[in-house]
Amino acid sequence: MTLNASRRAIRRILTVVALATACVVGMTGPAQALPLPVDLFDNNPASRWTVWSTGNGTGSFGNSQARLDHSLSTGWTEISRDVSLGAPDSDIGCAFEIQLRGTSSSAVSTVNLEVINPNNWQYLSLKQVQVSGQQWQSFLMLGWVHRVNPVKFRVSLLAAGGQARTVHIDTMTGMCGFIED
């Protein structure tokens, strides 16, 4: 793919994400191109989400949110789940948004937001964000073309040089829409 073709594809995906966001916010009826996942971390989120760590990191669920802790100098602690978006369609672009918060303004946590093809473990979308403070922040991922179903959505709290870090996770939403040529 040439650089110009790649830029056009990225612009199309970003347009889809913007349009999908507008549709989700301004939707007046129940019709949607694909099922749009929403997870509020209510109703037994441990049945949908898996926690895994490369070391002594931990994860827990409570008060309609998840919590990840990691204190090693290397590795990560993650929470992930499979998300079904319906039949793959190369004319559809998708993106996820997640709410995160830290535990203090002085601790900055590095978090990867990942969408993975579970068939080959390649990234479909990857965004690294910095989380600090006790206020909820919304992070919109980079969009991808909907070519595989289901996808794995993962939030990974990365090591901070041996410093203990904690991140809280809430309200994951998905957005999908048709890609305009």
N, C-alpha and C. Protein backbone atom coordinates (compact mmCIF):
# COMPACT_ATOMS: atom_id res chain seq x y z
N MET A 1 0.85 -1.17 0.00
CA MET A 1 0.00 0.00 0.00
C MET A 1 0.90 1.24 0.00
N THR A 2 0.60 2.19 -0.88
CA THR A 2 1.41 3.40 -0.95
C THR A 2 1.08 4.32 0.22
N LEU A 3 1.93 5.31 0.44
CA LEU A 3 1.73 6.25 1.54
C LEU A 3 0.42 7.00 1.35
N ASN A 4 0.12 7.46 0.10
CA ASN A 4 -1.13 8.18 -0.15
C ASN A 4 -2.34 7.29 0.08
N ALA A 5 -2.27 6.04 -0.35
CA ALA A 5 -3.39 5.12 -0.13
C ALA A 5 -3.58 4.86 1.36
N SER A 6 -2.48 4.74 2.07
CA SER A 6 -2.55 4.54 3.51
C SER A 6 -3.18 5.74 4.20
N ARG A 7 -2.80 6.94 3.79
CA ARG A 7 -3.39 8.15 4.36
C ARG A 7 -4.88 8.23 4.07
N ARG A 8 -5.28 7.87 2.83
CA ARG A 8 -6.70 7.88 2.49
C ARG A 8 -7.46 6.90 3.35
N ALA A 9 -6.89 5.72 3.57
CA ALA A 9 -7.55 4.71 4.40
C ALA A 9 -7.70 5.21 5.82
N ILE A 10 -6.66 5.83 6.36
CA ILE A 10 -6.73 6.36 7.72
C ILE A 10 -7.77 7.47 7.80
N ARG A 11 -7.81 8.36 6.81
CA ARG A 11 -8.82 9.43 6.81
C ARG A 11 -10.22 8.85 6.77
N ARG A 12 -10.41 7.80 5.96
CA ARG A 12 -11.74 7.19 5.88
C ARG A 12 -12.14 6.58 7.22
N ILE A 13 -11.20 5.91 7.86
CA ILE A 13 -11.50 5.29 9.15
C ILE A 13 -11.81 6.37 10.19
N LEU A 14 -11.03 7.44 10.21
CA LEU A 14 -11.30 8.51 11.17
C LEU A 14 -12.65 9.17 10.89
N THR A 15 -13.01 9.30 9.61
CA THR A 15 -14.32 9.82 9.27
C THR A 15 -15.42 8.91 9.80
N VAL A 16 -15.22 7.61 9.66
CA VAL A 16 -16.20 6.65 10.16
C VAL A 16 -16.33 6.78 11.67
N VAL A 17 -15.21 6.89 12.35
CA VAL A 17 -15.25 7.00 13.81
C VAL A 17 -16.00 8.26 14.22
N ALA A 18 -15.72 9.37 13.55
CA ALA A 18 -16.41 10.62 13.87
C ALA A 18 -17.91 10.49 13.60
N LEU A 19 -18.25 9.91 12.45
CA LEU A 19 -19.66 9.72 12.12
C LEU A 19 -20.34 8.74 13.07
N ALA A 20 -19.64 7.68 13.41
CA ALA A 20 -20.20 6.70 14.35
C ALA A 20 -20.43 7.34 15.70
N THR A 21 -19.50 8.18 16.14
CA THR A 21 -19.67 8.87 17.41
C THR A 21 -20.90 9.76 17.35
N ALA A 22 -21.06 10.50 16.26
CA ALA A 22 -22.22 11.37 16.12
C ALA A 22 -23.50 10.55 16.09
N CYS A 23 -23.47 9.39 15.44
CA CYS A 23 -24.65 8.54 15.38
C CYS A 23 -25.00 7.98 16.75
N VAL A 24 -23.99 7.57 17.51
CA VAL A 24 -24.25 7.02 18.83
C VAL A 24 -24.83 8.10 19.73
N VAL A 25 -24.28 9.31 19.67
CA VAL A 25 -24.75 10.40 20.51
C VAL A 25 -26.13 10.87 20.06
N GLY A 26 -26.34 10.98 18.75
CA GLY A 26 -27.58 11.55 18.25
C GLY A 26 -28.59 10.54 17.74
N MET A 27 -28.41 9.26 18.02
CA MET A 27 -29.29 8.24 17.50
C MET A 27 -30.70 8.38 18.08
N THR A 28 -31.73 8.37 17.22
CA THR A 28 -33.10 8.50 17.69
C THR A 28 -33.87 7.20 17.60
N GLY A 29 -33.36 6.23 16.88
CA GLY A 29 -34.05 4.95 16.74
C GLY A 29 -33.12 3.80 17.04
N PRO A 30 -33.65 2.58 17.09
CA PRO A 30 -32.84 1.44 17.46
C PRO A 30 -32.01 0.85 16.32
N ALA A 31 -32.17 1.32 15.07
CA ALA A 31 -31.47 0.71 13.94
C ALA A 31 -29.98 1.00 14.00
N GLN A 32 -29.17 -0.04 13.73
CA GLN A 32 -27.72 0.09 13.73
C GLN A 32 -27.17 -0.85 12.67
N ALA A 33 -26.01 -0.51 12.10
CA ALA A 33 -25.40 -1.37 11.10
C ALA A 33 -24.90 -2.66 11.74
N LEU A 34 -24.35 -2.59 12.93
CA LEU A 34 -23.82 -3.74 13.65
C LEU A 34 -24.21 -3.63 15.12
N PRO A 35 -24.18 -4.74 15.84
CA PRO A 35 -24.41 -4.62 17.28
C PRO A 35 -23.27 -3.81 17.90
N LEU A 36 -23.59 -2.78 18.64
CA LEU A 36 -22.59 -1.94 19.26
C LEU A 36 -22.42 -2.34 20.71
N PRO A 37 -21.26 -2.91 21.05
CA PRO A 37 -21.07 -3.37 22.42
C PRO A 37 -20.96 -2.21 23.40
N VAL A 38 -21.58 -2.39 24.54
CA VAL A 38 -21.44 -1.48 25.66
C VAL A 38 -21.25 -2.36 26.89
N ASP A 39 -20.22 -2.07 27.67
CA ASP A 39 -20.00 -2.81 28.90
C ASP A 39 -19.81 -1.80 30.02
N LEU A 40 -20.76 -1.78 30.95
CA LEU A 40 -20.72 -0.84 32.07
C LEU A 40 -20.07 -1.46 33.30
N PHE A 41 -19.53 -2.67 33.15
CA PHE A 41 -18.92 -3.42 34.25
C PHE A 41 -19.94 -3.71 35.36
N ASP A 42 -21.19 -3.87 34.96
CA ASP A 42 -22.26 -4.29 35.86
C ASP A 42 -22.55 -5.77 35.62
N ASN A 43 -23.35 -6.36 36.46
CA ASN A 43 -23.86 -7.72 36.26
C ASN A 43 -22.75 -8.73 36.00
N ASN A 44 -21.90 -8.95 36.98
CA ASN A 44 -20.87 -9.97 36.95
C ASN A 44 -19.87 -9.80 35.80
N PRO A 45 -19.11 -8.71 35.78
CA PRO A 45 -18.14 -8.52 34.70
C PRO A 45 -17.07 -9.61 34.66
N ALA A 46 -16.82 -10.29 35.76
CA ALA A 46 -15.82 -11.37 35.78
C ALA A 46 -16.22 -12.51 34.85
N SER A 47 -17.50 -12.60 34.49
CA SER A 47 -17.93 -13.63 33.55
C SER A 47 -17.59 -13.27 32.10
N ARG A 48 -17.28 -11.99 31.82
CA ARG A 48 -16.95 -11.53 30.47
C ARG A 48 -15.49 -11.15 30.30
N TRP A 49 -14.87 -10.71 31.37
CA TRP A 49 -13.50 -10.18 31.33
C TRP A 49 -12.54 -11.16 31.98
N THR A 50 -11.32 -11.23 31.45
CA THR A 50 -10.27 -12.07 32.00
C THR A 50 -9.12 -11.17 32.45
N VAL A 51 -8.57 -11.45 33.63
CA VAL A 51 -7.40 -10.72 34.14
C VAL A 51 -6.19 -11.64 34.02
N TRP A 52 -5.07 -11.07 33.55
CA TRP A 52 -3.84 -11.84 33.41
C TRP A 52 -2.68 -10.91 33.69
N SER A 53 -1.58 -11.45 34.25
CA SER A 53 -0.41 -10.64 34.56
C SER A 53 0.86 -11.42 34.25
N THR A 54 1.92 -10.70 33.88
CA THR A 54 3.22 -11.32 33.66
C THR A 54 3.97 -11.54 34.97
N GLY A 55 3.44 -11.07 36.07
CA GLY A 55 4.12 -11.21 37.36
C GLY A 55 3.12 -11.17 38.49
N ASN A 56 3.38 -10.28 39.44
CA ASN A 56 2.52 -10.23 40.60
C ASN A 56 1.42 -9.18 40.49
N GLY A 57 1.07 -8.76 39.29
CA GLY A 57 -0.04 -7.83 39.11
C GLY A 57 -1.35 -8.50 39.43
N THR A 58 -2.34 -7.69 39.77
CA THR A 58 -3.66 -8.22 40.11
C THR A 58 -4.74 -7.40 39.42
N GLY A 59 -5.90 -7.98 39.36
CA GLY A 59 -7.08 -7.30 38.85
C GLY A 59 -8.28 -7.70 39.66
N SER A 60 -9.25 -6.79 39.77
CA SER A 60 -10.46 -7.09 40.55
C SER A 60 -11.63 -6.32 39.96
N PHE A 61 -12.82 -6.70 40.40
CA PHE A 61 -14.06 -6.07 39.94
C PHE A 61 -14.87 -5.64 41.15
N GLY A 62 -15.52 -4.48 41.05
CA GLY A 62 -16.39 -4.01 42.11
C GLY A 62 -16.87 -2.60 41.83
N ASN A 63 -18.00 -2.24 42.40
CA ASN A 63 -18.57 -0.89 42.24
C ASN A 63 -18.69 -0.48 40.78
N SER A 64 -19.12 -1.41 39.93
CA SER A 64 -19.34 -1.16 38.50
C SER A 64 -18.08 -0.68 37.78
N GLN A 65 -16.94 -1.24 38.15
CA GLN A 65 -15.69 -0.93 37.49
C GLN A 65 -14.70 -2.06 37.73
N ALA A 66 -13.61 -2.02 36.98
CA ALA A 66 -12.51 -2.97 37.19
C ALA A 66 -11.31 -2.18 37.68
N ARG A 67 -10.36 -2.90 38.28
CA ARG A 67 -9.14 -2.28 38.79
C ARG A 67 -7.96 -3.18 38.44
N LEU A 68 -6.89 -2.56 37.92
CA LEU A 68 -5.65 -3.27 37.65
C LEU A 68 -4.54 -2.67 38.49
N ASP A 69 -3.69 -3.53 39.06
CA ASP A 69 -2.52 -3.11 39.84
C ASP A 69 -1.30 -3.82 39.27
N HIS A 70 -0.18 -3.10 39.16
CA HIS A 70 1.07 -3.71 38.70
C HIS A 70 2.23 -2.99 39.38
N SER A 71 3.18 -3.76 39.90
CA SER A 71 4.29 -3.13 40.62
C SER A 71 5.67 -3.64 40.20
N LEU A 72 5.76 -4.45 39.19
CA LEU A 72 7.07 -4.93 38.74
C LEU A 72 7.76 -3.90 37.86
N SER A 73 9.07 -4.08 37.66
CA SER A 73 9.81 -3.17 36.80
C SER A 73 9.67 -3.54 35.33
N THR A 74 9.13 -4.71 35.02
CA THR A 74 8.88 -5.12 33.64
C THR A 74 7.49 -5.75 33.56
N GLY A 75 7.03 -5.94 32.33
CA GLY A 75 5.78 -6.67 32.11
C GLY A 75 4.53 -5.80 32.18
N TRP A 76 3.40 -6.47 32.40
CA TRP A 76 2.12 -5.78 32.41
C TRP A 76 1.07 -6.64 33.12
N THR A 77 -0.03 -5.99 33.45
CA THR A 77 -1.23 -6.65 33.94
C THR A 77 -2.37 -6.20 33.03
N GLU A 78 -3.20 -7.14 32.61
CA GLU A 78 -4.22 -6.82 31.62
C GLU A 78 -5.60 -7.32 32.03
N ILE A 79 -6.60 -6.70 31.40
CA ILE A 79 -7.97 -7.18 31.44
C ILE A 79 -8.42 -7.24 29.99
N SER A 80 -9.07 -8.34 29.61
CA SER A 80 -9.47 -8.48 28.20
C SER A 80 -10.78 -9.23 28.09
N ARG A 81 -11.40 -9.09 26.93
CA ARG A 81 -12.61 -9.84 26.61
C ARG A 81 -12.77 -9.93 25.10
N ASP A 82 -13.48 -10.97 24.67
CA ASP A 82 -13.84 -11.11 23.26
C ASP A 82 -15.09 -10.27 23.02
N VAL A 83 -15.11 -9.59 21.87
CA VAL A 83 -16.24 -8.74 21.50
C VAL A 83 -16.71 -9.14 20.12
N SER A 84 -17.99 -9.46 20.00
CA SER A 84 -18.58 -9.82 18.71
C SER A 84 -19.21 -8.59 18.08
N LEU A 85 -18.85 -8.33 16.82
CA LEU A 85 -19.36 -7.17 16.09
C LEU A 85 -20.18 -7.57 14.87
N GLY A 86 -20.58 -8.82 14.77
CA GLY A 86 -21.34 -9.26 13.62
C GLY A 86 -20.44 -9.69 12.48
N ALA A 87 -21.06 -10.01 11.35
CA ALA A 87 -20.32 -10.53 10.20
C ALA A 87 -19.30 -9.51 9.71
N PRO A 88 -18.06 -9.96 9.45
CA PRO A 88 -17.03 -9.05 8.93
C PRO A 88 -17.48 -8.40 7.62
N ASP A 89 -17.11 -7.14 7.44
CA ASP A 89 -17.47 -6.39 6.25
C ASP A 89 -16.40 -5.34 6.03
N SER A 90 -15.67 -5.41 4.92
CA SER A 90 -14.57 -4.47 4.67
C SER A 90 -15.05 -3.06 4.36
N ASP A 91 -16.37 -2.85 4.28
CA ASP A 91 -16.93 -1.51 4.10
C ASP A 91 -17.28 -0.85 5.43
N ILE A 92 -16.96 -1.54 6.54
CA ILE A 92 -17.31 -1.02 7.86
C ILE A 92 -16.04 -0.79 8.67
N GLY A 93 -15.97 0.35 9.34
CA GLY A 93 -14.89 0.67 10.25
C GLY A 93 -15.42 0.69 11.67
N CYS A 94 -14.59 0.33 12.63
CA CYS A 94 -15.02 0.27 14.03
C CYS A 94 -13.96 0.92 14.92
N ALA A 95 -14.37 1.28 16.11
CA ALA A 95 -13.47 1.81 17.13
C ALA A 95 -14.09 1.53 18.50
N PHE A 96 -13.26 1.50 19.51
CA PHE A 96 -13.72 1.36 20.90
C PHE A 96 -13.33 2.61 21.67
N GLU A 97 -14.13 2.88 22.70
CA GLU A 97 -13.83 3.95 23.64
C GLU A 97 -13.91 3.35 25.04
N ILE A 98 -13.03 3.79 25.93
CA ILE A 98 -13.00 3.25 27.29
C ILE A 98 -12.75 4.41 28.25
N GLN A 99 -13.32 4.29 29.46
CA GLN A 99 -13.08 5.29 30.50
C GLN A 99 -12.08 4.73 31.50
N LEU A 100 -11.06 5.54 31.82
CA LEU A 100 -10.01 5.15 32.75
C LEU A 100 -9.79 6.27 33.76
N ARG A 101 -9.28 5.89 34.94
CA ARG A 101 -8.83 6.89 35.91
C ARG A 101 -7.71 6.30 36.74
N GLY A 102 -6.86 7.17 37.24
CA GLY A 102 -5.76 6.76 38.10
C GLY A 102 -6.17 6.86 39.56
N THR A 103 -5.17 6.92 40.43
CA THR A 103 -5.45 7.02 41.87
C THR A 103 -4.92 8.31 42.47
N SER A 104 -4.01 9.00 41.76
CA SER A 104 -3.50 10.28 42.27
C SER A 104 -2.94 11.09 41.11
N SER A 105 -2.80 12.38 41.32
CA SER A 105 -2.26 13.23 40.26
C SER A 105 -0.76 13.06 40.10
N SER A 106 -0.08 12.53 41.12
CA SER A 106 1.37 12.37 41.03
C SER A 106 1.80 11.05 40.37
N ALA A 107 0.91 10.09 40.29
CA ALA A 107 1.23 8.80 39.67
C ALA A 107 0.68 8.77 38.25
N VAL A 108 1.56 8.61 37.28
CA VAL A 108 1.16 8.52 35.87
C VAL A 108 1.31 7.07 35.43
N SER A 109 0.22 6.49 34.97
CA SER A 109 0.23 5.11 34.51
C SER A 109 0.20 5.07 32.99
N THR A 110 1.02 4.20 32.42
CA THR A 110 1.03 3.98 30.98
C THR A 110 0.15 2.77 30.68
N VAL A 111 -0.81 2.96 29.79
CA VAL A 111 -1.80 1.94 29.49
C VAL A 111 -1.87 1.74 27.98
N ASN A 112 -1.85 0.49 27.54
CA ASN A 112 -2.10 0.15 26.14
C ASN A 112 -3.57 -0.21 25.97
N LEU A 113 -4.21 0.38 24.97
CA LEU A 113 -5.56 0.00 24.56
C LEU A 113 -5.40 -0.77 23.27
N GLU A 114 -5.86 -2.01 23.24
CA GLU A 114 -5.53 -2.91 22.14
C GLU A 114 -6.78 -3.61 21.60
N VAL A 115 -6.86 -3.72 20.29
CA VAL A 115 -7.82 -4.60 19.63
C VAL A 115 -6.98 -5.59 18.85
N ILE A 116 -7.23 -6.87 19.09
CA ILE A 116 -6.37 -7.94 18.57
C ILE A 116 -7.20 -8.92 17.76
N ASN A 117 -6.63 -9.39 16.65
CA ASN A 117 -7.22 -10.49 15.90
C ASN A 117 -6.88 -11.77 16.67
N PRO A 118 -7.85 -12.46 17.27
CA PRO A 118 -7.54 -13.63 18.08
C PRO A 118 -7.07 -14.83 17.26
N ASN A 119 -7.20 -14.78 15.95
CA ASN A 119 -6.75 -15.89 15.11
C ASN A 119 -5.24 -15.91 14.92
N ASN A 120 -4.60 -14.71 14.94
CA ASN A 120 -3.15 -14.66 14.73
C ASN A 120 -2.44 -13.74 15.72
N TRP A 121 -3.16 -13.14 16.64
CA TRP A 121 -2.64 -12.26 17.69
C TRP A 121 -1.95 -11.01 17.14
N GLN A 122 -2.37 -10.56 15.97
CA GLN A 122 -1.87 -9.31 15.43
C GLN A 122 -2.80 -8.17 15.86
N TYR A 123 -2.19 -7.00 16.09
CA TYR A 123 -2.98 -5.83 16.46
C TYR A 123 -3.81 -5.34 15.28
N LEU A 124 -5.07 -5.05 15.54
CA LEU A 124 -5.92 -4.34 14.60
C LEU A 124 -5.90 -2.85 14.93
N SER A 125 -5.75 -2.55 16.22
CA SER A 125 -5.65 -1.18 16.70
C SER A 125 -4.85 -1.19 18.00
N LEU A 126 -3.98 -0.22 18.16
CA LEU A 126 -3.16 -0.09 19.37
C LEU A 126 -2.98 1.38 19.67
N LYS A 127 -3.30 1.77 20.89
CA LYS A 127 -3.11 3.15 21.31
C LYS A 127 -2.55 3.14 22.72
N GLN A 128 -1.45 3.87 22.94
CA GLN A 128 -0.87 3.97 24.27
C GLN A 128 -1.27 5.32 24.85
N VAL A 129 -1.78 5.30 26.10
CA VAL A 129 -2.25 6.52 26.75
C VAL A 129 -1.61 6.65 28.13
N GLN A 130 -1.59 7.87 28.63
CA GLN A 130 -1.11 8.17 29.98
C GLN A 130 -2.31 8.51 30.84
N VAL A 131 -2.42 7.86 31.99
CA VAL A 131 -3.55 8.07 32.88
C VAL A 131 -3.03 8.59 34.22
N SER A 132 -3.60 9.69 34.67
CA SER A 132 -3.26 10.22 35.99
C SER A 132 -4.47 10.95 36.55
N GLY A 133 -4.46 11.16 37.84
CA GLY A 133 -5.57 11.86 38.48
C GLY A 133 -6.71 10.93 38.79
N GLN A 134 -7.63 11.43 39.59
CA GLN A 134 -8.76 10.62 40.05
C GLN A 134 -10.04 10.92 39.29
N GLN A 135 -9.96 11.70 38.22
CA GLN A 135 -11.13 11.98 37.39
C GLN A 135 -11.19 11.00 36.24
N TRP A 136 -12.39 10.54 35.89
CA TRP A 136 -12.56 9.64 34.75
C TRP A 136 -12.19 10.38 33.46
N GLN A 137 -11.44 9.70 32.60
CA GLN A 137 -11.06 10.23 31.29
C GLN A 137 -11.51 9.23 30.22
N SER A 138 -12.06 9.73 29.12
CA SER A 138 -12.45 8.87 28.00
C SER A 138 -11.34 8.84 26.97
N PHE A 139 -11.02 7.64 26.49
CA PHE A 139 -9.99 7.46 25.48
C PHE A 139 -10.59 6.74 24.28
N LEU A 140 -10.55 7.38 23.12
CA LEU A 140 -11.04 6.80 21.87
C LEU A 140 -9.87 6.17 21.15
N MET A 141 -10.02 4.91 20.79
CA MET A 141 -8.96 4.19 20.08
C MET A 141 -8.93 4.57 18.61
N LEU A 142 -7.86 4.18 17.96
CA LEU A 142 -7.77 4.31 16.51
C LEU A 142 -8.72 3.30 15.88
N GLY A 143 -9.38 3.69 14.80
CA GLY A 143 -10.32 2.80 14.14
C GLY A 143 -9.62 1.74 13.30
N TRP A 144 -10.36 0.68 12.99
CA TRP A 144 -9.84 -0.39 12.13
C TRP A 144 -10.98 -0.87 11.24
N VAL A 145 -10.61 -1.51 10.14
CA VAL A 145 -11.61 -2.07 9.21
C VAL A 145 -12.07 -3.41 9.77
N HIS A 146 -13.38 -3.61 9.78
CA HIS A 146 -14.01 -4.79 10.40
C HIS A 146 -13.88 -6.01 9.48
N ARG A 147 -12.73 -6.71 9.60
CA ARG A 147 -12.47 -7.87 8.75
C ARG A 147 -12.45 -9.18 9.52
N VAL A 148 -12.59 -9.15 10.84
CA VAL A 148 -12.56 -10.37 11.64
C VAL A 148 -13.57 -10.23 12.78
N ASN A 149 -14.19 -11.33 13.14
CA ASN A 149 -15.16 -11.36 14.23
C ASN A 149 -15.06 -12.70 14.94
N PRO A 150 -14.99 -12.73 16.24
CA PRO A 150 -14.92 -11.61 17.17
C PRO A 150 -13.50 -11.04 17.20
N VAL A 151 -13.35 -9.93 17.94
CA VAL A 151 -12.04 -9.35 18.21
C VAL A 151 -11.79 -9.44 19.72
N LYS A 152 -10.54 -9.35 20.10
CA LYS A 152 -10.19 -9.30 21.52
C LYS A 152 -9.87 -7.85 21.86
N PHE A 153 -10.57 -7.31 22.86
CA PHE A 153 -10.30 -5.96 23.36
C PHE A 153 -9.53 -6.11 24.67
N ARG A 154 -8.40 -5.39 24.76
CA ARG A 154 -7.55 -5.55 25.93
C ARG A 154 -7.07 -4.20 26.43
N VAL A 155 -7.06 -4.04 27.76
CA VAL A 155 -6.49 -2.88 28.44
C VAL A 155 -5.32 -3.41 29.25
N SER A 156 -4.10 -2.92 28.95
CA SER A 156 -2.89 -3.41 29.61
C SER A 156 -2.21 -2.29 30.38
N LEU A 157 -2.06 -2.48 31.69
CA LEU A 157 -1.32 -1.56 32.54
C LEU A 157 0.14 -1.97 32.50
N LEU A 158 0.99 -1.09 31.97
CA LEU A 158 2.40 -1.42 31.76
C LEU A 158 3.24 -1.11 33.00
N ALA A 159 4.35 -1.81 33.11
CA ALA A 159 5.27 -1.63 34.25
C ALA A 159 5.78 -0.19 34.29
N ALA A 160 6.09 0.26 35.50
CA ALA A 160 6.57 1.63 35.70
C ALA A 160 7.87 1.63 36.48
N GLY A 161 8.84 0.81 36.06
CA GLY A 161 10.14 0.80 36.70
C GLY A 161 10.11 0.40 38.16
N GLY A 162 9.24 -0.52 38.50
CA GLY A 162 9.16 -1.00 39.87
C GLY A 162 8.25 -0.18 40.77
N GLN A 163 7.70 0.92 40.24
CA GLN A 163 6.76 1.73 41.01
C GLN A 163 5.37 1.12 40.90
N ALA A 164 4.66 1.04 42.00
CA ALA A 164 3.30 0.49 41.98
C ALA A 164 2.38 1.45 41.22
N ARG A 165 1.57 0.90 40.34
CA ARG A 165 0.60 1.68 39.58
C ARG A 165 -0.75 0.99 39.64
N THR A 166 -1.80 1.82 39.62
CA THR A 166 -3.17 1.32 39.63
C THR A 166 -3.97 2.12 38.62
N VAL A 167 -4.85 1.44 37.90
CA VAL A 167 -5.77 2.11 37.00
C VAL A 167 -7.15 1.48 37.17
N HIS A 168 -8.17 2.33 37.16
CA HIS A 168 -9.56 1.89 37.24
C HIS A 168 -10.17 1.97 35.83
N ILE A 169 -11.05 1.02 35.51
CA ILE A 169 -11.61 0.89 34.15
C ILE A 169 -13.12 0.85 34.25
N ASP A 170 -13.79 1.58 33.35
CA ASP A 170 -15.25 1.60 33.34
C ASP A 170 -15.74 1.92 31.93
N THR A 171 -16.93 1.55 31.64
CA THR A 171 -17.70 1.87 30.45
C THR A 171 -16.91 1.76 29.15
N MET A 172 -16.94 0.57 28.58
CA MET A 172 -16.37 0.31 27.26
C MET A 172 -17.53 0.38 26.26
N THR A 173 -17.34 1.15 25.20
CA THR A 173 -18.35 1.23 24.14
C THR A 173 -17.68 0.99 22.79
N GLY A 174 -18.44 0.46 21.86
CA GLY A 174 -17.97 0.23 20.50
C GLY A 174 -18.77 1.07 19.52
N MET A 175 -18.13 1.46 18.44
CA MET A 175 -18.77 2.25 17.40
C MET A 175 -18.38 1.67 16.06
N CYS A 176 -19.34 1.49 15.17
CA CYS A 176 -19.07 1.00 13.83
C CYS A 176 -19.93 1.77 12.83
N GLY A 177 -19.42 1.94 11.64
CA GLY A 177 -20.17 2.63 10.60
C GLY A 177 -19.58 2.33 9.23
N PHE A 178 -20.32 2.67 8.20
CA PHE A 178 -19.88 2.43 6.84
C PHE A 178 -18.76 3.38 6.46
N ILE A 179 -17.77 2.88 5.74
CA ILE A 179 -16.65 3.68 5.27
C ILE A 179 -17.06 4.31 3.94
N GLU A 180 -16.95 5.62 3.86
CA GLU A 180 -17.26 6.35 2.63
C GLU A 180 -16.04 6.41 1.75
N ASP A 181 -16.19 6.14 0.45
CA ASP A 181 -15.07 6.26 -0.50
C ASP A 181 -14.87 7.68 -0.93
